[in-house]
PDB file of N, CA and C in Angstrom:
ATOM      1  N   MET A   1      11.346 102.623  22.839  1.00  0.00           N
ATOM      2  CA  MET A   1      10.207 102.290  22.594  1.00  0.00           C
ATOM      3  C   MET A   1       9.760 101.305  23.608  1.00  0.00           C
ATOM      4  N   ASN A   2       8.508 101.655  24.188  1.00  0.00           N
ATOM      5  CA  ASN A   2       8.184 100.731  25.475  1.00  0.00           C
ATOM      6  C   ASN A   2       7.762  99.417  24.965  1.00  0.00           C
ATOM      7  N   ASP A   3       6.939  99.131  24.176  1.00  0.00           N
ATOM      8  CA  ASP A   3       6.718  97.885  23.742  1.00  0.00           C
ATOM      9  C   ASP A   3       7.228  97.233  22.961  1.00  0.00           C
ATOM     10  N   CYS A   4       8.612  97.617  22.309  1.00  0.00           N
ATOM     11  CA  CYS A   4       9.390  96.915  21.333  1.00  0.00           C
ATOM     12  C   CYS A   4      10.092  95.779  22.008  1.00  0.00           C
ATOM     13  N   LEU A   5       9.813  94.493  21.331  1.00  0.00           N
ATOM     14  CA  LEU A   5      10.659  93.328  22.129  1.00  0.00           C
ATOM     15  C   LEU A   5      12.123  93.686  22.121  1.00  0.00           C
ATOM     16  N   PHE A   6      12.726  93.962  20.930  1.00  0.00           N
ATOM     17  CA  PHE A   6      14.306  94.185  20.842  1.00  0.00           C
ATOM     18  C   PHE A   6      14.689  95.317  22.028  1.00  0.00           C
ATOM     19  N   CYS A   7      13.955  96.417  22.101  1.00  0.00           N
ATOM     20  CA  CYS A   7      14.308  97.431  23.111  1.00  0.00           C
ATOM     21  C   CYS A   7      14.303  96.796  24.377  1.00  0.00           C
ATOM     22  N   LYS A   8      13.342  95.908  24.717  1.00  0.00           N
ATOM     23  CA  LYS A   8      13.315  95.327  26.212  1.00  0.00           C
ATOM     24  C   LYS A   8      14.567  94.384  26.245  1.00  0.00           C
ATOM     25  N   ILE A   9      14.877  93.761  25.001  1.00  0.00           N
ATOM     26  CA  ILE A   9      16.296  92.980  25.244  1.00  0.00           C
ATOM     27  C   ILE A   9      17.339  93.680  25.305  1.00  0.00           C
ATOM     28  N   ILE A  10      17.625  94.623  24.687  1.00  0.00           N
ATOM     29  CA  ILE A  10      18.775  95.492  24.828  1.00  0.00           C
ATOM     30  C   ILE A  10      18.726  96.235  26.398  1.00  0.00           C
ATOM     31  N   ALA A  11      17.553  96.482  26.931  1.00  0.00           N
ATOM     32  CA  ALA A  11      17.482  96.947  28.414  1.00  0.00           C
ATOM     33  C   ALA A  11      17.694  95.856  29.155  1.00  0.00           C
ATOM     34  N   GLY A  12      17.548  94.536  28.900  1.00  0.00           N
ATOM     35  CA  GLY A  12      17.827  93.514  29.966  1.00  0.00           C
ATOM     36  C   GLY A  12      16.410  92.924  30.448  1.00  0.00           C
ATOM     37  N   GLN A  13      15.415  93.561  29.899  1.00  0.00           N
ATOM     38  CA  GLN A  13      14.275  93.195  30.637  1.00  0.00           C
ATOM     39  C   GLN A  13      13.743  91.781  30.126  1.00  0.00           C
ATOM     40  N   ILE A  14      14.240  91.477  29.097  1.00  0.00           N
ATOM     41  CA  ILE A  14      14.001  90.189  28.509  1.00  0.00           C
ATOM     42  C   ILE A  14      15.061  89.488  28.125  1.00  0.00           C
ATOM     43  N   PRO A  15      15.321  88.018  28.592  1.00  0.00           N
ATOM     44  CA  PRO A  15      16.939  87.521  28.381  1.00  0.00           C
ATOM     45  C   PRO A  15      16.850  87.404  27.048  1.00  0.00           C
ATOM     46  N   SER A  16      18.322  87.149  26.673  1.00  0.00           N
ATOM     47  CA  SER A  16      18.803  86.824  25.221  1.00  0.00           C
ATOM     48  C   SER A  16      20.004  86.174  25.481  1.00  0.00           C
ATOM     49  N   LYS A  17      20.579  85.468  24.493  1.00  0.00           N
ATOM     50  CA  LYS A  17      21.970  84.858  24.614  1.00  0.00           C
ATOM     51  C   LYS A  17      22.899  85.847  23.933  1.00  0.00           C
ATOM     52  N   LYS A  18      23.371  86.910  24.622  1.00  0.00           N
ATOM     53  CA  LYS A  18      24.020  88.150  24.178  1.00  0.00           C
ATOM     54  C   LYS A  18      25.422  87.235  23.382  1.00  0.00           C
ATOM     55  N   ILE A  19      25.686  87.969  22.418  1.00  0.00           N
ATOM     56  CA  ILE A  19      27.081  87.532  21.591  1.00  0.00           C
ATOM     57  C   ILE A  19      28.055  88.671  21.686  1.00  0.00           C
ATOM     58  N   TYR A  20      27.316  90.014  21.539  1.00  0.00           N
ATOM     59  CA  TYR A  20      28.330  91.061  21.551  1.00  0.00           C
ATOM     60  C   TYR A  20      27.602  92.335  21.859  1.00  0.00           C
ATOM     61  N   GLU A  21      28.112  93.437  22.484  1.00  0.00           N
ATOM     62  CA  GLU A  21      27.523  94.533  22.639  1.00  0.00           C
ATOM     63  C   GLU A  21      28.796  95.873  22.655  1.00  0.00           C
ATOM     64  N   ASP A  22      28.373  96.773  22.103  1.00  0.00           N
ATOM     65  CA  ASP A  22      29.186  98.165  22.205  1.00  0.00           C
ATOM     66  C   ASP A  22      28.277  99.172  22.318  1.00  0.00           C
ATOM     67  N   GLU A  23      28.778 100.350  22.079  1.00  0.00           N
ATOM     68  CA  GLU A  23      28.069 101.837  22.372  1.00  0.00           C
ATOM     69  C   GLU A  23      26.908 101.705  21.581  1.00  0.00           C
ATOM     70  N   HIS A  24      26.844 101.242  20.278  1.00  0.00           N
ATOM     71  CA  HIS A  24      25.787 101.224  19.350  1.00  0.00           C
ATOM     72  C   HIS A  24      25.076 100.138  18.929  1.00  0.00           C
ATOM     73  N   THR A  25      25.530  98.858  19.092  1.00  0.00           N
ATOM     74  CA  THR A  25      24.816  97.710  18.533  1.00  0.00           C
ATOM     75  C   THR A  25      24.806  96.589  19.867  1.00  0.00           C
ATOM     76  N   TYR A  26      23.848  95.890  19.751  1.00  0.00           N
ATOM     77  CA  TYR A  26      23.696  94.670  20.512  1.00  0.00           C
ATOM     78  C   TYR A  26      23.497  93.285  19.613  1.00  0.00           C
ATOM     79  N   ALA A  27      23.971  92.194  20.005  1.00  0.00           N
ATOM     80  CA  ALA A  27      23.828  91.169  19.072  1.00  0.00           C
ATOM     81  C   ALA A  27      23.631  89.845  19.800  1.00  0.00           C
ATOM     82  N   PHE A  28      22.886  89.127  19.349  1.00  0.00           N
ATOM     83  CA  PHE A  28      22.388  87.936  20.115  1.00  0.00           C
ATOM     84  C   PHE A  28      21.899  86.767  19.313  1.00  0.00           C
ATOM     85  N   GLU A  29      21.862  85.462  19.693  1.00  0.00           N
ATOM     86  CA  GLU A  29      21.359  84.285  19.132  1.00  0.00           C
ATOM     87  C   GLU A  29      19.840  84.380  18.692  1.00  0.00           C
ATOM     88  N   ASP A  30      19.708  84.166  17.384  1.00  0.00           N
ATOM     89  CA  ASP A  30      18.138  84.221  17.214  1.00  0.00           C
ATOM     90  C   ASP A  30      17.464  82.718  17.793  1.00  0.00           C
ATOM     91  N   ILE A  31      16.244  82.841  18.316  1.00  0.00           N
ATOM     92  CA  ILE A  31      15.651  81.877  19.128  1.00  0.00           C
ATOM     93  C   ILE A  31      15.062  80.721  18.104  1.00  0.00           C
ATOM     94  N   ASP A  32      15.040  81.211  16.770  1.00  0.00           N
ATOM     95  CA  ASP A  32      14.773  80.139  15.999  1.00  0.00           C
ATOM     96  C   ASP A  32      15.651  80.221  14.739  1.00  0.00           C
ATOM     97  N   PRO A  33      16.728  79.728  14.989  1.00  0.00           N
ATOM     98  CA  PRO A  33      17.760  79.830  14.029  1.00  0.00           C
ATOM     99  C   PRO A  33      17.621  78.916  12.776  1.00  0.00           C
ATOM    100  N   LYS A  34      17.935  79.717  11.592  1.00  0.00           N
ATOM    101  CA  LYS A  34      17.837  78.992  10.176  1.00  0.00           C
ATOM    102  C   LYS A  34      19.142  78.568   9.489  1.00  0.00           C
ATOM    103  N   ALA A  35      20.284  78.817  10.572  1.00  0.00           N
ATOM    104  CA  ALA A  35      21.573  78.047  10.129  1.00  0.00           C
ATOM    105  C   ALA A  35      22.250  77.916  11.421  1.00  0.00           C
ATOM    106  N   PRO A  36      23.470  77.274  11.358  1.00  0.00           N
ATOM    107  CA  PRO A  36      24.327  76.946  12.645  1.00  0.00           C
ATOM    108  C   PRO A  36      24.678  78.186  13.215  1.00  0.00           C
ATOM    109  N   THR A  37      24.889  79.355  12.512  1.00  0.00           N
ATOM    110  CA  THR A  37      25.018  80.533  13.010  1.00  0.00           C
ATOM    111  C   THR A  37      23.837  81.691  12.486  1.00  0.00           C
ATOM    112  N   HIS A  38      22.997  81.832  13.419  1.00  0.00           N
ATOM    113  CA  HIS A  38      22.017  82.956  13.141  1.00  0.00           C
ATOM    114  C   HIS A  38      21.938  83.814  14.240  1.00  0.00           C
ATOM    115  N   VAL A  39      22.422  85.007  14.125  1.00  0.00           N
ATOM    116  CA  VAL A  39      22.631  86.058  15.176  1.00  0.00           C
ATOM    117  C   VAL A  39      21.834  87.198  14.444  1.00  0.00           C
ATOM    118  N   LEU A  40      21.192  87.786  15.558  1.00  0.00           N
ATOM    119  CA  LEU A  40      20.672  89.157  15.132  1.00  0.00           C
ATOM    120  C   LEU A  40      21.236  90.359  15.847  1.00  0.00           C
ATOM    121  N   ILE A  41      21.731  91.449  14.834  1.00  0.00           N
ATOM    122  CA  ILE A  41      22.222  92.581  15.171  1.00  0.00           C
ATOM    123  C   ILE A  41      21.567  93.634  15.128  1.00  0.00           C
ATOM    124  N   VAL A  42      21.144  94.160  16.386  1.00  0.00           N
ATOM    125  CA  VAL A  42      20.240  95.578  16.341  1.00  0.00           C
ATOM    126  C   VAL A  42      21.100  96.776  16.859  1.00  0.00           C
ATOM    127  N   PRO A  43      20.504  97.896  16.328  1.00  0.00           N
ATOM    128  CA  PRO A  43      20.977  99.209  16.980  1.00  0.00           C
ATOM    129  C   PRO A  43      20.433  99.443  18.090  1.00  0.00           C
ATOM    130  N   LYS A  44      21.091 100.052  19.029  1.00  0.00           N
ATOM    131  CA  LYS A  44      20.719 100.224  20.359  1.00  0.00           C
ATOM    132  C   LYS A  44      19.313 101.408  20.295  1.00  0.00           C
ATOM    133  N   LYS A  45      19.673 102.069  19.285  1.00  0.00           N
ATOM    134  CA  LYS A  45      18.669 103.352  18.983  1.00  0.00           C
ATOM    135  C   LYS A  45      17.588 102.536  18.288  1.00  0.00           C
ATOM    136  N   HIS A  46      16.129 102.803  18.717  1.00  0.00           N
ATOM    137  CA  HIS A  46      14.987 102.156  18.087  1.00  0.00           C
ATOM    138  C   HIS A  46      15.070 102.802  16.517  1.00  0.00           C
ATOM    139  N   ILE A  47      14.972 101.987  15.554  1.00  0.00           N
ATOM    140  CA  ILE A  47      14.675 102.437  14.384  1.00  0.00           C
ATOM    141  C   ILE A  47      13.865 101.256  13.800  1.00  0.00           C
ATOM    142  N   THR A  48      12.455 101.759  13.479  1.00  0.00           N
ATOM    143  CA  THR A  48      11.440 100.743  12.950  1.00  0.00           C
ATOM    144  C   THR A  48      11.827  99.830  11.811  1.00  0.00           C
ATOM    145  N   GLY A  49      12.672 100.127  10.821  1.00  0.00           N
ATOM    146  CA  GLY A  49      13.214  99.256   9.772  1.00  0.00           C
ATOM    147  C   GLY A  49      14.031 100.053   8.968  1.00  0.00           C
ATOM    148  N   LEU A  50      14.339  99.659   7.893  1.00  0.00           N
ATOM    149  CA  LEU A  50      15.342 100.276   6.885  1.00  0.00           C
ATOM    150  C   LEU A  50      14.564 101.436   6.108  1.00  0.00           C
ATOM    151  N   LYS A  51      13.200 101.097   5.992  1.00  0.00           N
ATOM    152  CA  LYS A  51      12.628 101.942   5.074  1.00  0.00           C
ATOM    153  C   LYS A  51      12.250 103.227   5.927  1.00  0.00           C
ATOM    154  N   GLU A  52      12.342 103.128   7.421  1.00  0.00           N
ATOM    155  CA  GLU A  52      11.923 104.474   8.091  1.00  0.00           C
ATOM    156  C   GLU A  52      13.322 104.976   8.476  1.00  0.00           C
ATOM    157  N   ALA A  53      14.449 104.430   8.065  1.00  0.00           N
ATOM    158  CA  ALA A  53      15.953 104.877   8.646  1.00  0.00           C
ATOM    159  C   ALA A  53      16.053 106.301   7.896  1.00  0.00           C
ATOM    160  N   THR A  54      16.752 107.120   8.429  1.00  0.00           N
ATOM    161  CA  THR A  54      16.942 108.566   7.818  1.00  0.00           C
ATOM    162  C   THR A  54      18.588 108.470   7.343  1.00  0.00           C
ATOM    163  N   ARG A  55      18.872 109.326   6.658  1.00  0.00           N
ATOM    164  CA  ARG A  55      20.070 109.740   6.231  1.00  0.00           C
ATOM    165  C   ARG A  55      21.066 109.881   7.665  1.00  0.00           C
ATOM    166  N   GLU A  56      20.506 110.538   8.557  1.00  0.00           N
ATOM    167  CA  GLU A  56      21.534 110.647   9.624  1.00  0.00           C
ATOM    168  C   GLU A  56      21.777 109.355  10.385  1.00  0.00           C
ATOM    169  N   GLU A  57      20.761 108.399  10.261  1.00  0.00           N
ATOM    170  CA  GLU A  57      21.191 106.774  10.723  1.00  0.00           C
ATOM    171  C   GLU A  57      21.837 106.158   9.892  1.00  0.00           C
ATOM    172  N   ALA A  58      22.469 106.538   8.891  1.00  0.00           N
ATOM    173  CA  ALA A  58      23.278 105.362   7.809  1.00  0.00           C
ATOM    174  C   ALA A  58      24.309 104.977   8.624  1.00  0.00           C
ATOM    175  N   GLU A  59      25.236 105.618   9.566  1.00  0.00           N
ATOM    176  CA  GLU A  59      26.340 105.250  10.179  1.00  0.00           C
ATOM    177  C   GLU A  59      25.930 103.894  10.983  1.00  0.00           C
ATOM    178  N   ILE A  60      24.573 104.066  11.702  1.00  0.00           N
ATOM    179  CA  ILE A  60      24.354 102.848  12.644  1.00  0.00           C
ATOM    180  C   ILE A  60      24.090 101.740  11.730  1.00  0.00           C
ATOM    181  N   VAL A  61      23.282 102.098  10.639  1.00  0.00           N
ATOM    182  CA  VAL A  61      22.988 100.705   9.633  1.00  0.00           C
ATOM    183  C   VAL A  61      24.351 100.019   9.227  1.00  0.00           C
ATOM    184  N   GLY A  62      25.237 100.980   8.868  1.00  0.00           N
ATOM    185  CA  GLY A  62      26.631 100.309   8.663  1.00  0.00           C
ATOM    186  C   GLY A  62      27.272  99.617   9.639  1.00  0.00           C
ATOM    187  N   LEU A  63      27.068 100.260  10.856  1.00  0.00           N
ATOM    188  CA  LEU A  63      27.854  99.569  12.056  1.00  0.00           C
ATOM    189  C   LEU A  63      27.304  98.370  12.454  1.00  0.00           C
ATOM    190  N   CYS A  64      25.772  98.058  12.075  1.00  0.00           N
ATOM    191  CA  CYS A  64      25.370  96.757  12.167  1.00  0.00           C
ATOM    192  C   CYS A  64      26.008  95.721  11.190  1.00  0.00           C
ATOM    193  N   HIS A  65      26.139  96.129  10.035  1.00  0.00           N
ATOM    194  CA  HIS A  65      26.893  95.262   9.014  1.00  0.00           C
ATOM    195  C   HIS A  65      28.421  94.841   9.705  1.00  0.00           C
ATOM    196  N   LEU A  66      28.992  95.983  10.113  1.00  0.00           N
ATOM    197  CA  LEU A  66      30.518  95.780  10.434  1.00  0.00           C
ATOM    198  C   LEU A  66      30.562  95.067  11.731  1.00  0.00           C
ATOM    199  N   THR A  67      29.356  94.892  12.485  1.00  0.00           N
ATOM    200  CA  THR A  67      29.428  94.126  13.720  1.00  0.00           C
ATOM    201  C   THR A  67      28.996  92.518  13.283  1.00  0.00           C
ATOM    202  N   ALA A  68      28.292  92.451  12.194  1.00  0.00           N
ATOM    203  CA  ALA A  68      27.943  90.825  11.634  1.00  0.00           C
ATOM    204  C   ALA A  68      29.376  90.479  11.060  1.00  0.00           C
ATOM    205  N   ALA A  69      30.057  91.357  10.343  1.00  0.00           N
ATOM    206  CA  ALA A  69      31.544  90.832   9.924  1.00  0.00           C
ATOM    207  C   ALA A  69      32.251  90.585  11.002  1.00  0.00           C
ATOM    208  N   LYS A  70      32.383  91.260  11.912  1.00  0.00           N
ATOM    209  CA  LYS A  70      33.223  90.979  13.253  1.00  0.00           C
ATOM    210  C   LYS A  70      32.840  89.618  13.751  1.00  0.00           C
ATOM    211  N   ILE A  71      31.641  89.354  13.803  1.00  0.00           N
ATOM    212  CA  ILE A  71      30.987  88.152  14.552  1.00  0.00           C
ATOM    213  C   ILE A  71      31.265  86.862  13.486  1.00  0.00           C
ATOM    214  N   GLY A  72      31.167  87.327  12.217  1.00  0.00           N
ATOM    215  CA  GLY A  72      31.703  86.182  11.194  1.00  0.00           C
ATOM    216  C   GLY A  72      33.167  85.885  11.266  1.00  0.00           C
ATOM    217  N   ARG A  73      33.949  86.728  11.361  1.00  0.00           N
ATOM    218  CA  ARG A  73      35.471  86.356  11.611  1.00  0.00           C
ATOM    219  C   ARG A  73      35.410  85.391  12.890  1.00  0.00           C
ATOM    220  N   GLU A  74      34.914  85.829  13.964  1.00  0.00           N
ATOM    221  CA  GLU A  74      34.809  85.109  15.338  1.00  0.00           C
ATOM    222  C   GLU A  74      34.618  83.689  15.295  1.00  0.00           C
ATOM    223  N   ARG A  75      33.382  83.564  14.328  1.00  0.00           N
ATOM    224  CA  ARG A  75      32.722  82.127  14.238  1.00  0.00           C
ATOM    225  C   ARG A  75      33.548  81.342  13.004  1.00  0.00           C
ATOM    226  N   GLY A  76      34.431  81.916  12.506  1.00  0.00           N
ATOM    227  CA  GLY A  76      35.244  81.307  11.463  1.00  0.00           C
ATOM    228  C   GLY A  76      34.380  80.911  10.328  1.00  0.00           C
ATOM    229  N   ILE A  77      33.395  81.822   9.868  1.00  0.00           N
ATOM    230  CA  ILE A  77      32.530  81.472   8.777  1.00  0.00           C
ATOM    231  C   ILE A  77      32.741  82.658   7.587  1.00  0.00           C
ATOM    232  N   GLU A  78      33.933  82.837   7.553  1.00  0.00           N
ATOM    233  CA  GLU A  78      34.198  84.095   6.243  1.00  0.00           C
ATOM    234  C   GLU A  78      34.247  83.736   5.119  1.00  0.00           C
ATOM    235  N   ASP A  79      34.236  82.004   4.955  1.00  0.00           N
ATOM    236  CA  ASP A  79      34.073  81.521   3.618  1.00  0.00           C
ATOM    237  C   ASP A  79      32.610  81.630   2.897  1.00  0.00           C
ATOM    238  N   GLY A  80      31.675  82.108   3.754  1.00  0.00           N
ATOM    239  CA  GLY A  80      30.432  82.158   3.320  1.00  0.00           C
ATOM    240  C   GLY A  80      29.457  82.557   4.282  1.00  0.00           C
ATOM    241  N   TYR A  81      29.057  83.665   4.390  1.00  0.00           N
ATOM    242  CA  TYR A  81      27.823  84.043   5.267  1.00  0.00           C
ATOM    243  C   TYR A  81      26.995  85.020   4.577  1.00  0.00           C
ATOM    244  N   ARG A  82      25.615  85.535   5.077  1.00  0.00           N
ATOM    245  CA  ARG A  82      24.780  86.302   4.591  1.00  0.00           C
ATOM    246  C   ARG A  82      24.202  87.285   5.546  1.00  0.00           C
ATOM    247  N   THR A  83      24.272  88.602   5.293  1.00  0.00           N
ATOM    248  CA  THR A  83      23.491  89.301   5.980  1.00  0.00           C
ATOM    249  C   THR A  83      22.091  89.757   5.378  1.00  0.00           C
ATOM    250  N   VAL A  84      21.081  89.722   6.349  1.00  0.00           N
ATOM    251  CA  VAL A  84      19.781  90.059   5.567  1.00  0.00           C
ATOM    252  C   VAL A  84      19.045  91.065   6.465  1.00  0.00           C
ATOM    253  N   LEU A  85      18.427  91.911   5.876  1.00  0.00           N
ATOM    254  CA  LEU A  85      17.552  93.065   6.237  1.00  0.00           C
ATOM    255  C   LEU A  85      16.261  92.755   5.684  1.00  0.00           C
ATOM    256  N   ASN A  86      15.127  92.150   6.499  1.00  0.00           N
ATOM    257  CA  ASN A  86      13.908  92.047   6.162  1.00  0.00           C
ATOM    258  C   ASN A  86      13.121  93.413   6.170  1.00  0.00           C
ATOM    259  N   VAL A  87      12.336  93.794   5.347  1.00  0.00           N
ATOM    260  CA  VAL A  87      11.742  95.191   5.265  1.00  0.00           C
ATOM    261  C   VAL A  87      10.307  95.126   5.013  1.00  0.00           C
ATOM    262  N   GLY A  88       9.676  95.117   6.183  1.00  0.00           N
ATOM    263  CA  GLY A  88       7.855  95.028   6.179  1.00  0.00           C
ATOM    264  C   GLY A  88       7.520  93.482   6.157  1.00  0.00           C
ATOM    265  N   PRO A  89       6.530  93.494   6.477  1.00  0.00           N
ATOM    266  CA  PRO A  89       5.616  92.172   6.664  1.00  0.00           C
ATOM    267  C   PRO A  89       5.764  91.274   5.642  1.00  0.00           C
ATOM    268  N   LYS A  90       5.494  91.652   4.324  1.00  0.00           N
ATOM    269  CA  LYS A  90       5.747  90.589   3.279  1.00  0.00           C
ATOM    270  C   LYS A  90       7.127  89.978   3.120  1.00  0.00           C
ATOM    271  N   SER A  91       8.052  90.699   3.639  1.00  0.00           N
ATOM    272  CA  SER A  91       9.373  90.233   3.806  1.00  0.00           C
ATOM    273  C   SER A  91       9.614  89.133   4.751  1.00  0.00           C
ATOM    274  N   GLY A  92       8.773  89.046   5.811  1.00  0.00           N
ATOM    275  CA  GLY A  92       9.071  88.134   7.041  1.00  0.00           C
ATOM    276  C   GLY A  92       9.457  88.979   8.179  1.00  0.00           C
ATOM    277  N   GLN A  93       9.506  90.517   8.154  1.00  0.00           N
ATOM    278  CA  GLN A  93       9.809  91.096   9.238  1.00  0.00           C
ATOM    279  C   GLN A  93       8.627  91.078  10.319  1.00  0.00           C
ATOM    280  N   SER A  94       9.033  90.422  11.333  1.00  0.00           N
ATOM    281  CA  SER A  94       7.957  90.476  12.512  1.00  0.00           C
ATOM    282  C   SER A  94       8.230  91.289  13.521  1.00  0.00           C
ATOM    283  N   VAL A  95       9.351  91.641  13.751  1.00  0.00           N
ATOM    284  CA  VAL A  95       9.796  92.727  15.141  1.00  0.00           C
ATOM    285  C   VAL A  95      10.183  94.059  14.219  1.00  0.00           C
ATOM    286  N   PHE A  96       9.524  94.923  14.484  1.00  0.00           N
ATOM    287  CA  PHE A  96       9.689  96.257  14.014  1.00  0.00           C
ATOM    288  C   PHE A  96      10.865  97.190  14.554  1.00  0.00           C
ATOM    289  N   HIS A  97      11.768  96.412  14.704  1.00  0.00           N
ATOM    290  CA  HIS A  97      13.071  97.394  15.277  1.00  0.00           C
ATOM    291  C   HIS A  97      14.039  96.953  14.150  1.00  0.00           C
ATOM    292  N   LEU A  98      14.661  97.856  13.524  1.00  0.00           N
ATOM    293  CA  LEU A  98      15.591  97.374  12.466  1.00  0.00           C
ATOM    294  C   LEU A  98      16.566  96.129  13.152  1.00  0.00           C
ATOM    295  N   HIS A  99      16.950  95.217  12.400  1.00  0.00           N
ATOM    296  CA  HIS A  99      17.741  94.192  12.646  1.00  0.00           C
ATOM    297  C   HIS A  99      18.420  93.473  11.599  1.00  0.00           C
ATOM    298  N   VAL A 100      19.576  93.129  11.528  1.00  0.00           N
ATOM    299  CA  VAL A 100      20.350  92.547  10.622  1.00  0.00           C
ATOM    300  C   VAL A 100      20.480  90.764  11.092  1.00  0.00           C
ATOM    301  N   HIS A 101      20.223  90.088  10.384  1.00  0.00           N
ATOM    302  CA  HIS A 101      20.216  88.719  10.357  1.00  0.00           C
ATOM    303  C   HIS A 101      21.731  88.254   9.939  1.00  0.00           C
ATOM    304  N   LEU A 102      22.419  87.520  10.567  1.00  0.00           N
ATOM    305  CA  LEU A 102      23.769  86.836  10.144  1.00  0.00           C
ATOM    306  C   LEU A 102      23.661  85.496  10.286  1.00  0.00           C
ATOM    307  N   LEU A 103      23.773  84.935   8.927  1.00  0.00           N
ATOM    308  CA  LEU A 103      23.329  83.752   8.589  1.00  0.00           C
ATOM    309  C   LEU A 103      24.577  82.811   8.092  1.00  0.00           C
ATOM    310  N   GLY A 104      24.875  81.882   8.624  1.00  0.00           N
ATOM    311  CA  GLY A 104      26.256  81.216   8.092  1.00  0.00           C
ATOM    312  C   GLY A 104      26.427  79.709   8.665  1.00  0.00           C
ATOM    313  N   GLY A 105      27.538  79.195   8.281  1.00  0.00           N
ATOM    314  CA  GLY A 105      27.865  78.022   8.881  1.00  0.00           C
ATOM    315  C   GLY A 105      27.400  76.750   8.242  1.00  0.00           C
ATOM    316  N   ARG A 106      26.807  77.147   6.826  1.00  0.00           N
ATOM    317  CA  ARG A 106      26.338  75.957   6.142  1.00  0.00           C
ATOM    318  C   ARG A 106      26.262  76.508   4.722  1.00  0.00           C
ATOM    319  N   ASP A 107      26.197  75.669   3.641  1.00  0.00           N
ATOM    320  CA  ASP A 107      25.932  76.233   2.459  1.00  0.00           C
ATOM    321  C   ASP A 107      24.701  76.919   2.297  1.00  0.00           C
ATOM    322  N   LEU A 108      24.690  78.204   1.570  1.00  0.00           N
ATOM    323  CA  LEU A 108      23.654  79.061   1.380  1.00  0.00           C
ATOM    324  C   LEU A 108      22.973  79.080   0.158  1.00  0.00           C
ATOM    325  N   ARG A 109      21.928  78.646  -0.189  1.00  0.00           N
ATOM    326  CA  ARG A 109      21.433  78.796  -1.519  1.00  0.00           C
ATOM    327  C   ARG A 109      20.941  80.094  -2.122  1.00  0.00           C
ATOM    328  N   TRP A 110      20.932  80.340  -3.574  1.00  0.00           N
ATOM    329  CA  TRP A 110      20.481  81.314  -4.071  1.00  0.00           C
ATOM    330  C   TRP A 110      19.401  80.954  -5.245  1.00  0.00           C
ATOM    331  N   PRO A 111      18.337  81.433  -5.382  1.00  0.00           N
ATOM    332  CA  PRO A 111      17.867  82.763  -4.542  1.00  0.00           C
ATOM    333  C   PRO A 111      17.490  82.119  -3.131  1.00  0.00           C
ATOM    334  N   PRO A 112      17.457  83.190  -2.239  1.00  0.00           N
ATOM    335  CA  PRO A 112      17.414  82.754  -0.879  1.00  0.00           C
ATOM    336  C   PRO A 112      15.705  82.458  -0.443  1.00  0.00           C
ATOM    337  N   GLY A 113      14.808  83.010  -1.277  1.00  0.00           N
ATOM    338  CA  GLY A 113      13.525  82.502  -0.744  1.00  0.00           C
ATOM    339  C   GLY A 113      12.442  82.925  -1.621  1.00  0.00           C
TER     340      GLY A 113
END
C-alpha cells in the first residue's frame, strides 16, 4: 500500500531500528516505547488490522506472534511479556497495518488500560 507507514518501513523507504526480518515478518523497535522491550512485529503483507484479516491470513497472524516469542527468548524476558494487537482507533491503533506489540522487561499490570 503506497501511503502505509509500515509498508514504507518494510520497503526501507523510512528508517527503523530493525530487530528481525524473515520471509513473512519484519520487527523493529517502537519509537515511543512503553516498556524496556517494545518491539513491533508486522507482516510483510499489508493487512489493515485483525478485524480485516481473513482465514487465509491466519498463518501470518500466528507467525507474527511466534516472531514475538523468538524475540522474547533472545531478550531474556520469558518470565513475563505481553503481546498486544490494538484493533481500531478506540483501542489506540494509529497505524492501519496489522502489528503485534511485544512489551516486556518490567512488571506488567492487569488490567492493562
